[in-house]
């Protein structure tokens, strides 16, 4: 069965050594791994973190944190180089932690959360962006080669990226990169906005999928939104996906007028029961889909 994990920012951001006891909590709630944000330098001691994970019996997947200064899409050379250097750092950190996947919007160029609005680009610049992303991912892929780490590139919705938004665009990029250490990451939250059919997009990604995030259309707990989980896991089963499935249900139960849903907020109540139910919900869909084979 696919391992099922929970993102660390469900509890805290940044996630530091004081939060290590939460690893055992995640395990007790039915999770097999933690999706840990790639720690910034000095944020975590990787040796201590790896030991804490081992003590809790929890695996780990890393989620990259790109910005405009580490940006493979950037025309500014220092920012492009920053993106390449960051991916190398993320791979090295993964090795130290025992992780085999670094996923996220590795192409960079974030929109709203970076305070940058989308703007039209010329056809020449569009091709140049692609070329810069391809070159950067090839360099990072070469760095990852032989380490057992896979870089998984994630398409984001149109409000968070103006470079990579759909599975079809990601496949075009991966075809150009053509490196075994650079593969695909899909997230149903983004897919619910941008794909005509989530299931068909999964079939398109097929063997390229290295990491999968099972998130509701509104970022709430799985089963409380409009995602058709039966079709999602049928499609994953059809393409033979056996990799990690992580959950990011960090929309809080707070619908007060004017509260920005895009802003991350720490939990204001114990969510353990709902998190345990979420793990059971996803695992039941995986198990029943496998039973159909």
Protein backbone atom coordinates (compact mmCIF):
# COMPACT_ATOMS: atom_id res chain seq x y z
CA UNK A 1 0.00 0.00 0.00
CA UNK A 2 1.15 3.55 -0.68
CA UNK A 3 2.60 5.21 2.43
CA UNK A 4 0.46 8.13 3.62
CA UNK A 5 2.00 11.21 5.19
CA UNK A 6 1.19 14.60 6.70
CA UNK A 7 2.85 17.94 6.03
CA UNK A 8 4.78 19.43 8.95
CA UNK A 9 3.15 22.84 8.60
CA UNK A 10 -0.10 21.23 9.71
CA UNK A 11 1.30 21.96 13.16
CA UNK A 12 4.00 24.61 12.89
CA UNK A 13 5.97 26.81 10.54
CA UNK A 14 8.91 26.83 10.94
CA UNK A 15 9.15 23.27 12.25
CA UNK A 16 12.03 23.13 14.73
CA UNK A 17 13.54 20.72 17.26
CA UNK A 18 10.93 21.69 19.84
CA UNK A 19 8.35 20.06 17.57
CA UNK A 20 10.09 16.65 17.38
CA UNK A 21 7.54 15.07 19.79
CA UNK A 22 4.94 15.63 17.05
CA UNK A 23 6.61 12.89 14.99
CA UNK A 24 5.30 10.30 17.45
CA UNK A 25 1.90 12.00 17.37
CA UNK A 26 1.74 11.74 13.57
CA UNK A 27 2.68 8.07 13.77
CA UNK A 28 -0.02 7.40 16.36
CA UNK A 29 -2.62 9.06 14.11
CA UNK A 30 -1.87 6.58 11.33
CA UNK A 31 0.70 8.44 9.21
CA UNK A 32 3.73 6.72 7.73
CA UNK A 33 5.85 9.76 6.94
CA UNK A 34 6.08 13.51 7.40
CA UNK A 35 6.31 15.90 4.49
CA UNK A 36 8.87 18.27 5.93
CA UNK A 37 9.58 21.68 4.43
CA UNK A 38 13.23 21.78 3.38
CA UNK A 39 14.75 23.39 6.48
CA UNK A 40 16.50 26.68 5.96
CA UNK A 41 20.15 26.68 6.99
CA UNK A 42 20.36 26.64 10.77
CA UNK A 43 16.68 25.81 11.20
CA UNK A 44 17.21 22.12 12.01
CA UNK A 45 20.16 19.88 12.75
CA UNK A 46 19.76 17.15 10.13
CA UNK A 47 21.45 14.46 12.23
CA UNK A 48 19.19 15.15 15.21
CA UNK A 49 16.15 15.31 12.92
CA UNK A 50 16.98 12.00 11.26
CA UNK A 51 17.34 10.39 14.68
CA UNK A 52 14.03 11.83 15.88
CA UNK A 53 12.30 10.48 12.77
CA UNK A 54 13.85 7.05 13.29
CA UNK A 55 12.83 7.02 16.96
CA UNK A 56 9.23 7.71 15.93
CA UNK A 57 9.33 5.15 13.10
CA UNK A 58 8.39 7.87 10.62
CA UNK A 59 9.63 8.33 7.06
CA UNK A 60 10.24 11.72 5.44
CA UNK A 61 9.63 13.50 2.13
CA UNK A 62 10.91 17.03 1.58
CA UNK A 63 8.95 19.98 0.20
CA UNK A 64 11.01 22.72 -1.47
CA UNK A 65 10.51 26.41 -0.66
CA UNK A 66 11.34 28.50 -3.70
CA UNK A 67 11.23 32.29 -3.96
CA UNK A 68 12.23 35.04 -6.39
CA UNK A 69 15.88 34.82 -5.29
CA UNK A 70 16.04 31.06 -5.97
CA UNK A 71 14.22 30.95 -9.24
CA UNK A 72 15.02 28.76 -12.24
CA UNK A 73 12.70 30.91 -14.36
CA UNK A 74 14.56 34.14 -13.59
CA UNK A 75 16.19 36.22 -16.29
CA UNK A 76 18.50 37.66 -13.60
CA UNK A 77 21.54 35.37 -13.46
CA UNK A 78 22.05 35.58 -9.65
CA UNK A 79 18.43 34.56 -9.02
CA UNK A 80 18.65 31.69 -11.52
CA UNK A 81 21.88 30.52 -9.90
CA UNK A 82 20.20 30.82 -6.53
CA UNK A 83 17.53 28.40 -7.77
CA UNK A 84 20.14 25.89 -8.92
CA UNK A 85 22.12 26.19 -5.68
CA UNK A 86 18.95 25.77 -3.62
CA UNK A 87 18.01 22.53 -5.38
CA UNK A 88 21.51 21.19 -4.80
CA UNK A 89 21.17 22.12 -1.13
CA UNK A 90 17.75 20.45 -0.97
CA UNK A 91 19.19 17.24 -2.44
CA UNK A 92 22.07 17.25 0.05
CA UNK A 93 19.63 17.85 2.90
CA UNK A 94 17.47 14.97 1.71
CA UNK A 95 20.48 12.65 1.77
CA UNK A 96 21.31 13.71 5.33
CA UNK A 97 17.72 13.12 6.45
CA UNK A 98 17.26 9.83 4.61
CA UNK A 99 14.61 11.27 2.25
CA UNK A 100 14.39 10.09 -1.36
CA UNK A 101 12.07 12.80 -2.73
CA UNK A 102 12.26 16.58 -2.90
CA UNK A 103 9.03 17.91 -4.36
CA UNK A 104 7.48 21.28 -5.05
CA UNK A 105 7.28 24.10 -7.61
CA UNK A 106 10.96 23.70 -8.46
CA UNK A 107 10.70 25.98 -11.49
CA UNK A 108 10.29 28.95 -9.14
CA UNK A 109 8.66 32.24 -10.15
CA UNK A 110 5.97 32.24 -7.44
CA UNK A 111 3.09 34.67 -7.82
CA UNK A 112 0.73 35.88 -5.10
CA UNK A 113 2.63 34.65 -2.06
CA UNK A 114 5.78 36.34 -3.34
CA UNK A 115 3.95 39.63 -3.81
CA UNK A 116 4.28 39.41 -7.60
CA UNK A 117 1.38 39.78 -10.00
CA UNK A 118 1.33 37.83 -13.30
CA UNK A 119 2.31 39.76 -16.41
CA UNK A 120 2.28 38.88 -20.11
CA UNK A 121 5.61 37.82 -21.60
CA UNK A 122 6.77 37.78 -25.19
CA UNK A 123 7.00 34.52 -27.10
CA UNK A 124 10.78 34.77 -27.01
CA UNK A 125 10.75 35.17 -23.23
CA UNK A 126 8.35 32.24 -22.85
CA UNK A 127 10.82 30.01 -24.69
CA UNK A 128 13.72 31.50 -22.75
CA UNK A 129 11.99 30.71 -19.45
CA UNK A 130 11.57 27.13 -20.53
CA UNK A 131 15.22 26.89 -21.55
CA UNK A 132 16.36 28.30 -18.20
CA UNK A 133 14.15 25.84 -16.29
CA UNK A 134 15.40 22.93 -18.39
CA UNK A 135 19.05 23.86 -17.86
CA UNK A 136 18.58 24.35 -14.12
CA UNK A 137 16.73 21.07 -13.65
CA UNK A 138 19.33 19.19 -15.69
CA UNK A 139 22.09 20.56 -13.46
CA UNK A 140 20.12 19.74 -10.31
CA UNK A 141 19.23 16.32 -11.69
CA UNK A 142 22.90 15.58 -12.33
CA UNK A 143 23.63 16.56 -8.71
CA UNK A 144 20.88 14.21 -7.50
CA UNK A 145 22.00 11.35 -9.73
CA UNK A 146 23.47 8.49 -7.72
CA UNK A 147 22.18 9.86 -4.41
CA UNK A 148 18.87 8.03 -4.53
CA UNK A 149 17.02 11.37 -4.45
CA UNK A 150 14.35 12.29 -7.01
CA UNK A 151 13.38 15.88 -7.72
CA UNK A 152 9.61 16.02 -8.29
CA UNK A 153 8.36 19.10 -10.17
CA UNK A 154 4.89 20.32 -9.17
CA UNK A 155 2.48 22.31 -11.35
CA UNK A 156 0.61 24.99 -9.38
CA UNK A 157 -2.68 26.73 -10.06
CA UNK A 158 -2.80 29.95 -12.09
CA UNK A 159 -2.87 32.13 -8.97
CA UNK A 160 0.44 30.70 -7.70
CA UNK A 161 2.43 30.20 -10.90
CA UNK A 162 2.64 31.69 -14.37
CA UNK A 163 5.19 29.13 -15.54
CA UNK A 164 3.83 25.65 -14.80
CA UNK A 165 0.13 25.05 -14.13
CA UNK A 166 -0.94 21.76 -15.74
CA UNK A 167 0.22 18.19 -16.06
CA UNK A 168 0.55 18.58 -19.82
CA UNK A 169 2.90 21.55 -19.34
CA UNK A 170 4.90 19.53 -16.81
CA UNK A 171 5.25 16.60 -19.22
CA UNK A 172 6.53 19.00 -21.91
CA UNK A 173 9.11 20.29 -19.44
CA UNK A 174 10.17 16.82 -18.27
CA UNK A 175 10.51 15.62 -21.86
CA UNK A 176 12.94 18.50 -22.47
CA UNK A 177 14.86 17.89 -19.22
CA UNK A 178 15.08 14.17 -19.98
CA UNK A 179 16.74 13.15 -16.73
CA UNK A 180 15.77 10.12 -14.63
CA UNK A 181 16.27 12.06 -11.38
CA UNK A 182 13.71 14.73 -12.38
CA UNK A 183 10.13 13.55 -12.30
CA UNK A 184 6.58 14.75 -11.55
CA UNK A 185 4.60 15.72 -8.46
CA UNK A 186 0.83 16.21 -8.59
CA UNK A 187 -1.49 17.90 -6.10
CA UNK A 188 -5.27 17.50 -6.37
CA UNK A 189 -5.82 20.97 -4.88
CA UNK A 190 -4.16 22.59 -7.89
CA UNK A 191 -5.51 19.97 -10.30
CA UNK A 192 -9.10 20.69 -9.22
CA UNK A 193 -8.65 24.19 -10.63
CA UNK A 194 -6.60 23.56 -13.73
CA UNK A 195 -7.32 20.07 -15.09
CA UNK A 196 -10.40 19.17 -17.12
CA UNK A 197 -10.20 15.74 -15.45
CA UNK A 198 -7.98 14.90 -12.50
CA UNK A 199 -8.11 11.21 -13.37
CA UNK A 200 -7.06 11.82 -16.98
CA UNK A 201 -4.23 14.08 -15.84
CA UNK A 202 -3.00 11.28 -13.57
CA UNK A 203 -3.09 8.89 -16.52
CA UNK A 204 -1.09 11.42 -18.54
CA UNK A 205 1.52 11.70 -15.80
CA UNK A 206 1.59 7.91 -15.40
CA UNK A 207 5.07 6.55 -14.65
CA UNK A 208 6.46 10.07 -14.32
CA UNK A 209 4.64 10.58 -10.99
CA UNK A 210 7.11 10.39 -8.09
CA UNK A 211 5.02 12.06 -5.39
CA UNK A 212 1.30 12.68 -4.97
CA UNK A 213 -0.55 15.08 -2.68
CA UNK A 214 -4.15 14.15 -1.90
CA UNK A 215 -5.75 17.47 -1.01
CA UNK A 216 -9.34 18.68 -1.10
CA UNK A 217 -10.36 21.45 -3.48
CA UNK A 218 -10.64 23.81 -0.48
CA UNK A 219 -7.59 22.51 1.44
CA UNK A 220 -9.82 21.03 4.12
CA UNK A 221 -9.87 17.48 5.44
CA UNK A 222 -10.22 14.78 2.74
CA UNK A 223 -13.82 13.81 2.11
CA UNK A 224 -15.22 17.21 3.04
CA UNK A 225 -14.92 18.79 -0.42
CA UNK A 226 -15.69 18.05 -4.05
CA UNK A 227 -12.72 15.90 -5.14
CA UNK A 228 -13.85 12.54 -6.53
CA UNK A 229 -11.49 10.33 -4.55
CA UNK A 230 -12.72 7.09 -6.08
CA UNK A 231 -11.72 8.21 -9.59
CA UNK A 232 -8.44 9.64 -8.27
CA UNK A 233 -7.29 6.41 -6.67
CA UNK A 234 -8.58 4.27 -9.51
CA UNK A 235 -6.41 6.30 -11.86
CA UNK A 236 -3.38 6.05 -9.56
CA UNK A 237 -3.89 2.31 -9.39
CA UNK A 238 -4.22 2.06 -13.17
CA UNK A 239 -0.85 3.76 -13.74
CA UNK A 240 0.77 1.59 -11.09
CA UNK A 241 1.61 4.39 -8.68
CA UNK A 242 2.97 2.96 -5.42
CA UNK A 243 4.75 6.04 -4.11
CA UNK A 244 4.00 8.36 -1.18
CA UNK A 245 0.67 10.14 -0.76
CA UNK A 246 0.76 13.19 1.48
CA UNK A 247 -2.00 15.31 2.99
CA UNK A 248 -2.03 19.07 3.55
CA UNK A 249 -5.40 19.80 5.17
CA UNK A 250 -4.28 23.10 6.67
CA UNK A 251 -7.38 25.17 6.01
CA UNK A 252 -8.63 25.91 9.50
CA UNK A 253 -12.23 25.61 10.60
CA UNK A 254 -12.76 29.37 10.55
CA UNK A 255 -15.19 31.01 8.13
CA UNK A 256 -15.35 34.46 9.69
CA UNK A 257 -15.81 37.31 7.24
CA UNK A 258 -12.58 38.77 5.98
CA UNK A 259 -10.25 36.01 7.21
CA UNK A 260 -7.78 35.35 4.33
CA UNK A 261 -7.79 31.67 3.42
CA UNK A 262 -4.47 32.05 1.61
CA UNK A 263 -2.68 32.94 4.84
CA UNK A 264 -1.27 30.02 6.82
CA UNK A 265 -2.34 30.01 10.45
CA UNK A 266 -1.31 27.62 13.24
CA UNK A 267 -3.98 25.31 14.69
CA UNK A 268 -6.18 26.88 17.33
CA UNK A 269 -7.64 23.57 18.50
CA UNK A 270 -6.71 19.89 18.72
CA UNK A 271 -7.28 18.43 15.24
CA UNK A 272 -6.09 14.91 16.09
CA UNK A 273 -9.44 13.18 15.58
CA UNK A 274 -9.91 14.72 12.13
CA UNK A 275 -6.32 14.03 11.13
CA UNK A 276 -6.66 10.38 12.14
CA UNK A 277 -9.93 10.15 10.21
CA UNK A 278 -8.20 11.69 7.18
CA UNK A 279 -5.46 9.07 7.24
CA UNK A 280 -8.06 6.30 7.49
CA UNK A 281 -10.12 7.86 4.68
CA UNK A 282 -7.21 7.97 2.24
CA UNK A 283 -5.88 4.53 3.22
CA UNK A 284 -9.32 2.99 2.77
CA UNK A 285 -9.54 4.38 -0.76
CA UNK A 286 -6.08 3.03 -1.56
CA UNK A 287 -6.90 -0.39 -0.11
CA UNK A 288 -10.27 -0.72 -1.83
CA UNK A 289 -8.81 0.37 -5.16
CA UNK A 290 -6.01 -2.19 -4.85
CA UNK A 291 -8.62 -4.83 -3.97
CA UNK A 292 -10.31 -4.19 -7.33
CA UNK A 293 -7.25 -5.36 -9.27
